[in-house]
């Protein structure tokens, strides 16, 4: 095993804490979005949905930076294949997160557009969950 500096382990701690925060944010976002899709959501639900989406985007940004930085620092460590698979899955989830944000439509504007937005979000969440749980089990 390669000995890494303190910053590596600080980034790893931040990255891991972010992975634990991800699932509660995903569940919250799903329920808020579901309220909006069912047209039961108030203006507060829309604001909360947007706020949680921003939190997810910020979390993805922090975990992408910390993860890629540590991936680079650990490029000579054993077990690189699983880290590269994890990175690939999470980069795909990042792309899905961006596509989700750009596809946002109100159900009042287009029901099918709002459902497409939800489906892209769920796909991105699913890819992210697979990549995250994979690392939890393989660490």
N, C-alpha and C. Protein backbone atom coordinates (compact mmCIF):
# COMPACT_ATOMS: atom_id res chain seq x y z
N UNK A 1 0.84 -1.18 0.00
CA UNK A 1 0.00 0.00 0.00
C UNK A 1 0.88 1.24 0.00
N UNK A 2 0.45 2.22 -0.75
CA UNK A 2 1.19 3.48 -0.84
C UNK A 2 0.75 4.37 0.31
N UNK A 3 1.72 5.05 0.94
CA UNK A 3 1.40 5.97 2.02
C UNK A 3 1.02 7.31 1.42
N UNK A 4 -0.16 7.79 1.78
CA UNK A 4 -0.65 9.07 1.27
C UNK A 4 -0.55 10.13 2.34
N UNK A 5 -0.51 11.37 1.91
CA UNK A 5 -0.42 12.49 2.85
C UNK A 5 -1.76 12.77 3.52
N UNK A 6 -1.70 13.71 4.47
CA UNK A 6 -2.89 14.08 5.24
C UNK A 6 -4.01 14.60 4.35
N UNK A 7 -3.69 15.36 3.31
CA UNK A 7 -4.73 15.93 2.44
C UNK A 7 -5.53 14.82 1.73
N UNK A 8 -4.86 13.74 1.35
CA UNK A 8 -5.55 12.61 0.72
C UNK A 8 -6.64 12.09 1.66
N UNK A 9 -6.30 11.89 2.93
CA UNK A 9 -7.26 11.34 3.89
C UNK A 9 -8.34 12.35 4.26
N UNK A 10 -8.01 13.62 4.24
CA UNK A 10 -9.03 14.65 4.46
C UNK A 10 -10.03 14.63 3.31
N UNK A 11 -9.53 14.59 2.07
CA UNK A 11 -10.43 14.51 0.91
C UNK A 11 -11.26 13.23 0.96
N UNK A 12 -10.65 12.11 1.35
CA UNK A 12 -11.36 10.84 1.44
C UNK A 12 -12.49 10.93 2.46
N UNK A 13 -12.24 11.56 3.60
CA UNK A 13 -13.27 11.73 4.63
C UNK A 13 -14.42 12.58 4.10
N UNK A 14 -14.09 13.68 3.44
CA UNK A 14 -15.13 14.55 2.85
C UNK A 14 -15.93 13.76 1.82
N UNK A 15 -15.24 13.00 0.98
CA UNK A 15 -15.88 12.20 -0.07
C UNK A 15 -16.83 11.16 0.54
N UNK A 16 -16.38 10.49 1.55
CA UNK A 16 -17.22 9.46 2.21
C UNK A 16 -18.43 10.08 2.90
N UNK A 17 -18.23 11.19 3.61
CA UNK A 17 -19.37 11.86 4.25
C UNK A 17 -20.39 12.30 3.20
N UNK A 18 -19.90 12.78 2.08
CA UNK A 18 -20.80 13.16 0.99
C UNK A 18 -21.60 11.97 0.47
N UNK A 19 -20.96 10.81 0.42
CA UNK A 19 -21.68 9.63 -0.07
C UNK A 19 -22.80 9.23 0.89
N UNK A 20 -22.59 9.46 2.19
CA UNK A 20 -23.64 9.13 3.16
C UNK A 20 -24.79 10.15 3.10
N UNK A 21 -24.49 11.38 2.75
CA UNK A 21 -25.52 12.42 2.65
C UNK A 21 -26.36 12.27 1.39
N UNK A 22 -25.82 11.58 0.40
CA UNK A 22 -26.48 11.49 -0.90
C UNK A 22 -27.85 10.82 -0.84
N UNK A 23 -27.97 9.70 -0.17
CA UNK A 23 -29.24 8.97 -0.19
C UNK A 23 -30.39 9.74 0.47
N UNK A 24 -30.18 10.37 1.62
CA UNK A 24 -31.28 11.18 2.18
C UNK A 24 -31.69 12.32 1.25
N UNK A 25 -30.72 12.93 0.58
CA UNK A 25 -31.06 13.98 -0.39
C UNK A 25 -31.86 13.42 -1.56
N UNK A 26 -31.47 12.25 -2.05
CA UNK A 26 -32.20 11.63 -3.16
C UNK A 26 -33.64 11.32 -2.76
N UNK A 27 -33.82 10.75 -1.58
CA UNK A 27 -35.18 10.41 -1.13
C UNK A 27 -36.03 11.67 -0.97
N UNK A 28 -35.45 12.69 -0.36
CA UNK A 28 -36.18 13.95 -0.18
C UNK A 28 -36.56 14.55 -1.53
N UNK A 29 -35.61 14.56 -2.45
CA UNK A 29 -35.87 15.13 -3.78
C UNK A 29 -36.95 14.34 -4.52
N UNK A 30 -36.92 13.02 -4.39
CA UNK A 30 -37.94 12.20 -5.04
C UNK A 30 -39.33 12.57 -4.53
N UNK A 31 -39.49 12.65 -3.22
CA UNK A 31 -40.82 12.94 -2.67
C UNK A 31 -41.28 14.35 -3.01
N UNK A 32 -40.38 15.32 -2.99
CA UNK A 32 -40.75 16.68 -3.38
C UNK A 32 -41.14 16.73 -4.85
N UNK A 33 -40.38 16.07 -5.69
CA UNK A 33 -40.71 16.02 -7.11
C UNK A 33 -42.02 15.30 -7.37
N UNK A 34 -42.26 14.24 -6.62
CA UNK A 34 -43.51 13.50 -6.77
C UNK A 34 -44.71 14.37 -6.41
N UNK A 35 -44.57 15.19 -5.35
CA UNK A 35 -45.64 16.13 -4.99
C UNK A 35 -45.91 17.09 -6.14
N UNK A 36 -44.85 17.60 -6.75
CA UNK A 36 -45.03 18.54 -7.86
C UNK A 36 -45.66 17.86 -9.06
N UNK A 37 -45.25 16.63 -9.33
CA UNK A 37 -45.78 15.90 -10.48
C UNK A 37 -47.26 15.59 -10.29
N UNK A 38 -47.65 15.32 -9.05
CA UNK A 38 -49.06 15.06 -8.77
C UNK A 38 -49.86 16.35 -8.62
N UNK A 39 -49.19 17.47 -8.82
CA UNK A 39 -49.80 18.80 -8.75
C UNK A 39 -50.39 19.09 -7.37
N UNK A 40 -49.84 18.42 -6.37
CA UNK A 40 -50.23 18.71 -5.00
C UNK A 40 -49.26 19.70 -4.38
N UNK A 41 -48.11 19.86 -5.02
CA UNK A 41 -47.08 20.70 -4.45
C UNK A 41 -47.42 22.17 -4.53
N UNK A 42 -47.14 22.86 -3.47
CA UNK A 42 -47.35 24.30 -3.43
C UNK A 42 -46.11 24.98 -3.97
N UNK A 43 -46.15 26.31 -3.96
CA UNK A 43 -44.97 27.06 -4.33
C UNK A 43 -43.80 26.72 -3.43
N UNK A 44 -44.11 26.40 -2.17
CA UNK A 44 -43.07 25.98 -1.22
C UNK A 44 -42.43 24.67 -1.63
N UNK A 45 -43.23 23.75 -2.17
CA UNK A 45 -42.68 22.47 -2.63
C UNK A 45 -41.73 22.69 -3.80
N UNK A 46 -42.10 23.60 -4.70
CA UNK A 46 -41.24 23.87 -5.84
C UNK A 46 -39.92 24.49 -5.37
N UNK A 47 -40.01 25.42 -4.43
CA UNK A 47 -38.80 26.02 -3.88
C UNK A 47 -37.93 25.01 -3.16
N UNK A 48 -38.56 24.14 -2.39
CA UNK A 48 -37.82 23.10 -1.66
C UNK A 48 -37.17 22.12 -2.64
N UNK A 49 -37.91 21.78 -3.70
CA UNK A 49 -37.39 20.87 -4.72
C UNK A 49 -36.15 21.48 -5.38
N UNK A 50 -36.22 22.75 -5.68
CA UNK A 50 -35.09 23.45 -6.29
C UNK A 50 -33.92 23.54 -5.32
N UNK A 51 -34.20 23.81 -4.06
CA UNK A 51 -33.15 23.91 -3.04
C UNK A 51 -32.43 22.57 -2.86
N UNK A 52 -33.20 21.50 -2.74
CA UNK A 52 -32.58 20.17 -2.57
C UNK A 52 -31.80 19.79 -3.83
N UNK A 53 -32.34 20.12 -5.00
CA UNK A 53 -31.61 19.85 -6.25
C UNK A 53 -30.27 20.58 -6.25
N UNK A 54 -30.26 21.81 -5.76
CA UNK A 54 -28.99 22.55 -5.65
C UNK A 54 -28.03 21.88 -4.68
N UNK A 55 -28.58 21.34 -3.59
CA UNK A 55 -27.75 20.60 -2.64
C UNK A 55 -27.15 19.35 -3.27
N UNK A 56 -27.94 18.66 -4.07
CA UNK A 56 -27.43 17.47 -4.76
C UNK A 56 -26.34 17.87 -5.75
N UNK A 57 -26.56 18.95 -6.49
CA UNK A 57 -25.55 19.41 -7.45
C UNK A 57 -24.25 19.80 -6.73
N UNK A 58 -24.37 20.49 -5.60
CA UNK A 58 -23.18 20.87 -4.84
C UNK A 58 -22.46 19.63 -4.31
N UNK A 59 -23.23 18.66 -3.82
CA UNK A 59 -22.65 17.42 -3.33
C UNK A 59 -21.92 16.67 -4.45
N UNK A 60 -22.55 16.60 -5.61
CA UNK A 60 -21.91 15.94 -6.76
C UNK A 60 -20.61 16.66 -7.12
N UNK A 61 -20.62 17.99 -7.09
CA UNK A 61 -19.42 18.76 -7.43
C UNK A 61 -18.29 18.47 -6.43
N UNK A 62 -18.61 18.52 -5.14
CA UNK A 62 -17.59 18.26 -4.11
C UNK A 62 -17.07 16.83 -4.23
N UNK A 63 -17.97 15.87 -4.40
CA UNK A 63 -17.52 14.48 -4.49
C UNK A 63 -16.76 14.20 -5.78
N UNK A 64 -17.09 14.90 -6.84
CA UNK A 64 -16.34 14.73 -8.08
C UNK A 64 -14.92 15.25 -7.92
N UNK A 65 -14.78 16.43 -7.34
CA UNK A 65 -13.44 17.00 -7.15
C UNK A 65 -12.62 16.15 -6.19
N UNK A 66 -13.18 15.82 -5.04
CA UNK A 66 -12.41 15.03 -4.06
C UNK A 66 -12.11 13.63 -4.59
N UNK A 67 -13.08 13.05 -5.29
CA UNK A 67 -12.89 11.70 -5.82
C UNK A 67 -11.84 11.64 -6.93
N UNK A 68 -11.92 12.58 -7.87
CA UNK A 68 -10.94 12.57 -8.96
C UNK A 68 -9.54 12.92 -8.47
N UNK A 69 -9.45 13.82 -7.53
CA UNK A 69 -8.15 14.19 -6.97
C UNK A 69 -7.52 12.99 -6.28
N UNK A 70 -8.31 12.28 -5.49
CA UNK A 70 -7.78 11.09 -4.81
C UNK A 70 -7.52 9.95 -5.79
N UNK A 71 -8.33 9.86 -6.83
CA UNK A 71 -8.09 8.83 -7.85
C UNK A 71 -6.72 9.06 -8.48
N UNK A 72 -6.40 10.31 -8.77
CA UNK A 72 -5.09 10.64 -9.33
C UNK A 72 -3.97 10.30 -8.34
N UNK A 73 -4.16 10.70 -7.08
CA UNK A 73 -3.13 10.44 -6.07
C UNK A 73 -2.93 8.94 -5.82
N UNK A 74 -3.97 8.15 -6.02
CA UNK A 74 -3.90 6.71 -5.74
C UNK A 74 -3.72 5.88 -7.01
N UNK A 75 -3.31 6.51 -8.09
CA UNK A 75 -3.23 5.81 -9.37
C UNK A 75 -2.26 4.63 -9.36
N UNK A 76 -1.33 4.61 -8.41
CA UNK A 76 -0.36 3.50 -8.34
C UNK A 76 -0.72 2.47 -7.28
N UNK A 77 -1.82 2.69 -6.56
CA UNK A 77 -2.26 1.74 -5.53
C UNK A 77 -2.89 0.51 -6.17
N UNK A 78 -2.96 -0.56 -5.39
CA UNK A 78 -3.67 -1.77 -5.84
C UNK A 78 -5.17 -1.48 -5.88
N UNK A 79 -5.90 -2.28 -6.66
CA UNK A 79 -7.35 -2.14 -6.72
C UNK A 79 -7.83 -1.00 -7.59
N UNK A 80 -7.01 -0.59 -8.56
CA UNK A 80 -7.37 0.55 -9.40
C UNK A 80 -8.61 0.27 -10.25
N UNK A 81 -8.82 -0.97 -10.66
CA UNK A 81 -9.95 -1.27 -11.55
C UNK A 81 -11.28 -0.89 -10.91
N UNK A 82 -11.47 -1.23 -9.65
CA UNK A 82 -12.74 -0.90 -9.01
C UNK A 82 -12.88 0.60 -8.81
N UNK A 83 -11.76 1.30 -8.53
CA UNK A 83 -11.83 2.75 -8.39
C UNK A 83 -12.16 3.41 -9.72
N UNK A 84 -11.60 2.90 -10.81
CA UNK A 84 -11.91 3.45 -12.13
C UNK A 84 -13.36 3.15 -12.52
N UNK A 85 -13.85 1.98 -12.17
CA UNK A 85 -15.26 1.66 -12.42
C UNK A 85 -16.16 2.61 -11.62
N UNK A 86 -15.84 2.80 -10.35
CA UNK A 86 -16.58 3.73 -9.49
C UNK A 86 -16.55 5.14 -10.10
N UNK A 87 -15.38 5.60 -10.50
CA UNK A 87 -15.26 6.94 -11.09
C UNK A 87 -16.08 7.05 -12.37
N UNK A 88 -16.04 6.03 -13.20
CA UNK A 88 -16.82 6.06 -14.44
C UNK A 88 -18.31 6.12 -14.18
N UNK A 89 -18.78 5.32 -13.23
CA UNK A 89 -20.20 5.35 -12.89
C UNK A 89 -20.62 6.71 -12.34
N UNK A 90 -19.79 7.27 -11.47
CA UNK A 90 -20.15 8.56 -10.88
C UNK A 90 -20.02 9.70 -11.87
N UNK A 91 -19.10 9.62 -12.81
CA UNK A 91 -19.04 10.65 -13.86
C UNK A 91 -20.26 10.55 -14.77
N UNK A 92 -20.72 9.32 -15.03
CA UNK A 92 -21.97 9.15 -15.78
C UNK A 92 -23.14 9.74 -15.00
N UNK A 93 -23.15 9.53 -13.68
CA UNK A 93 -24.21 10.11 -12.84
C UNK A 93 -24.11 11.63 -12.84
N UNK A 94 -22.90 12.18 -12.86
CA UNK A 94 -22.72 13.63 -12.97
C UNK A 94 -23.37 14.15 -14.26
N UNK A 95 -23.11 13.45 -15.35
CA UNK A 95 -23.71 13.85 -16.63
C UNK A 95 -25.23 13.76 -16.54
N UNK A 96 -25.73 12.72 -15.90
CA UNK A 96 -27.17 12.57 -15.72
C UNK A 96 -27.75 13.69 -14.86
N UNK A 97 -27.00 14.11 -13.84
CA UNK A 97 -27.43 15.21 -12.97
C UNK A 97 -27.55 16.50 -13.79
N UNK A 98 -26.56 16.75 -14.64
CA UNK A 98 -26.60 17.94 -15.49
C UNK A 98 -27.76 17.86 -16.48
N UNK A 99 -27.96 16.70 -17.07
CA UNK A 99 -29.08 16.51 -18.01
C UNK A 99 -30.41 16.68 -17.28
N UNK A 100 -30.49 16.19 -16.06
CA UNK A 100 -31.71 16.36 -15.26
C UNK A 100 -32.01 17.84 -15.08
N UNK A 101 -31.00 18.61 -14.71
CA UNK A 101 -31.20 20.04 -14.48
C UNK A 101 -31.66 20.76 -15.75
N UNK A 102 -31.10 20.38 -16.88
CA UNK A 102 -31.45 21.06 -18.13
C UNK A 102 -32.79 20.60 -18.68
N UNK A 103 -33.33 19.51 -18.18
CA UNK A 103 -34.60 18.99 -18.70
C UNK A 103 -35.80 19.35 -17.83
N UNK A 104 -35.58 20.16 -16.80
CA UNK A 104 -36.65 20.49 -15.85
C UNK A 104 -37.80 21.22 -16.54
N UNK A 105 -39.00 20.68 -16.36
CA UNK A 105 -40.22 21.31 -16.86
C UNK A 105 -41.30 21.15 -15.82
N UNK A 106 -42.12 22.15 -15.70
CA UNK A 106 -43.26 22.09 -14.79
C UNK A 106 -44.33 21.18 -15.38
N UNK A 107 -45.02 20.40 -14.55
CA UNK A 107 -46.12 19.58 -15.07
C UNK A 107 -47.19 20.43 -15.75
N UNK A 108 -47.33 21.68 -15.33
CA UNK A 108 -48.30 22.57 -15.97
C UNK A 108 -47.86 22.90 -17.39
N UNK A 109 -46.55 22.98 -17.63
CA UNK A 109 -46.03 23.26 -18.96
C UNK A 109 -46.14 22.03 -19.85
N UNK A 110 -45.71 20.89 -19.33
CA UNK A 110 -45.70 19.66 -20.11
C UNK A 110 -45.60 18.46 -19.17
N UNK A 111 -46.66 17.71 -19.10
CA UNK A 111 -46.66 16.52 -18.24
C UNK A 111 -45.59 15.53 -18.70
N UNK A 112 -45.50 15.31 -20.00
CA UNK A 112 -44.50 14.36 -20.51
C UNK A 112 -43.08 14.88 -20.27
N UNK A 113 -42.88 16.19 -20.35
CA UNK A 113 -41.57 16.77 -20.07
C UNK A 113 -41.19 16.60 -18.61
N UNK A 114 -42.16 16.80 -17.72
CA UNK A 114 -41.91 16.62 -16.29
C UNK A 114 -41.60 15.15 -15.98
N UNK A 115 -42.31 14.24 -16.64
CA UNK A 115 -42.03 12.81 -16.42
C UNK A 115 -40.67 12.42 -16.98
N UNK A 116 -40.28 13.00 -18.12
CA UNK A 116 -38.94 12.75 -18.68
C UNK A 116 -37.87 13.24 -17.69
N UNK A 117 -38.10 14.43 -17.13
CA UNK A 117 -37.18 14.99 -16.13
C UNK A 117 -37.04 14.02 -14.95
N UNK A 118 -38.17 13.52 -14.45
CA UNK A 118 -38.14 12.56 -13.33
C UNK A 118 -37.38 11.30 -13.72
N UNK A 119 -37.63 10.77 -14.91
CA UNK A 119 -36.98 9.52 -15.32
C UNK A 119 -35.47 9.69 -15.48
N UNK A 120 -35.04 10.84 -16.01
CA UNK A 120 -33.60 11.10 -16.12
C UNK A 120 -32.99 11.18 -14.71
N UNK A 121 -33.70 11.88 -13.81
CA UNK A 121 -33.21 12.00 -12.43
C UNK A 121 -33.10 10.63 -11.77
N UNK A 122 -34.12 9.81 -11.93
CA UNK A 122 -34.09 8.48 -11.32
C UNK A 122 -32.96 7.62 -11.90
N UNK A 123 -32.74 7.73 -13.19
CA UNK A 123 -31.63 6.99 -13.81
C UNK A 123 -30.29 7.44 -13.27
N UNK A 124 -30.12 8.75 -13.14
CA UNK A 124 -28.88 9.29 -12.60
C UNK A 124 -28.69 8.86 -11.14
N UNK A 125 -29.77 8.92 -10.37
CA UNK A 125 -29.70 8.49 -8.98
C UNK A 125 -29.34 7.01 -8.89
N UNK A 126 -29.91 6.21 -9.77
CA UNK A 126 -29.64 4.78 -9.77
C UNK A 126 -28.18 4.46 -10.09
N UNK A 127 -27.63 5.12 -11.10
CA UNK A 127 -26.22 4.91 -11.46
C UNK A 127 -25.33 5.35 -10.31
N UNK A 128 -25.66 6.48 -9.71
CA UNK A 128 -24.91 6.98 -8.57
C UNK A 128 -24.98 6.00 -7.40
N UNK A 129 -26.15 5.47 -7.13
CA UNK A 129 -26.32 4.52 -6.02
C UNK A 129 -25.50 3.26 -6.25
N UNK A 130 -25.50 2.75 -7.48
CA UNK A 130 -24.72 1.55 -7.77
C UNK A 130 -23.23 1.81 -7.54
N UNK A 131 -22.74 2.94 -8.05
CA UNK A 131 -21.33 3.27 -7.87
C UNK A 131 -20.95 3.49 -6.42
N UNK A 132 -21.86 4.06 -5.67
CA UNK A 132 -21.59 4.34 -4.25
C UNK A 132 -21.61 3.06 -3.42
N UNK A 133 -22.65 2.27 -3.57
CA UNK A 133 -22.77 1.03 -2.79
C UNK A 133 -21.63 0.08 -3.14
N UNK A 134 -21.23 0.09 -4.41
CA UNK A 134 -20.11 -0.73 -4.84
C UNK A 134 -18.87 -0.43 -3.99
N UNK A 135 -18.58 0.84 -3.78
CA UNK A 135 -17.40 1.20 -3.00
C UNK A 135 -17.59 0.92 -1.52
N UNK A 136 -18.81 1.09 -1.02
CA UNK A 136 -19.06 0.76 0.39
C UNK A 136 -18.76 -0.72 0.65
N UNK A 137 -19.14 -1.57 -0.29
CA UNK A 137 -18.95 -3.01 -0.11
C UNK A 137 -17.52 -3.45 -0.37
N UNK A 138 -16.82 -2.76 -1.26
CA UNK A 138 -15.47 -3.18 -1.66
C UNK A 138 -14.35 -2.49 -0.92
N UNK A 139 -14.65 -1.57 -0.01
CA UNK A 139 -13.54 -0.82 0.60
C UNK A 139 -12.74 -1.66 1.50
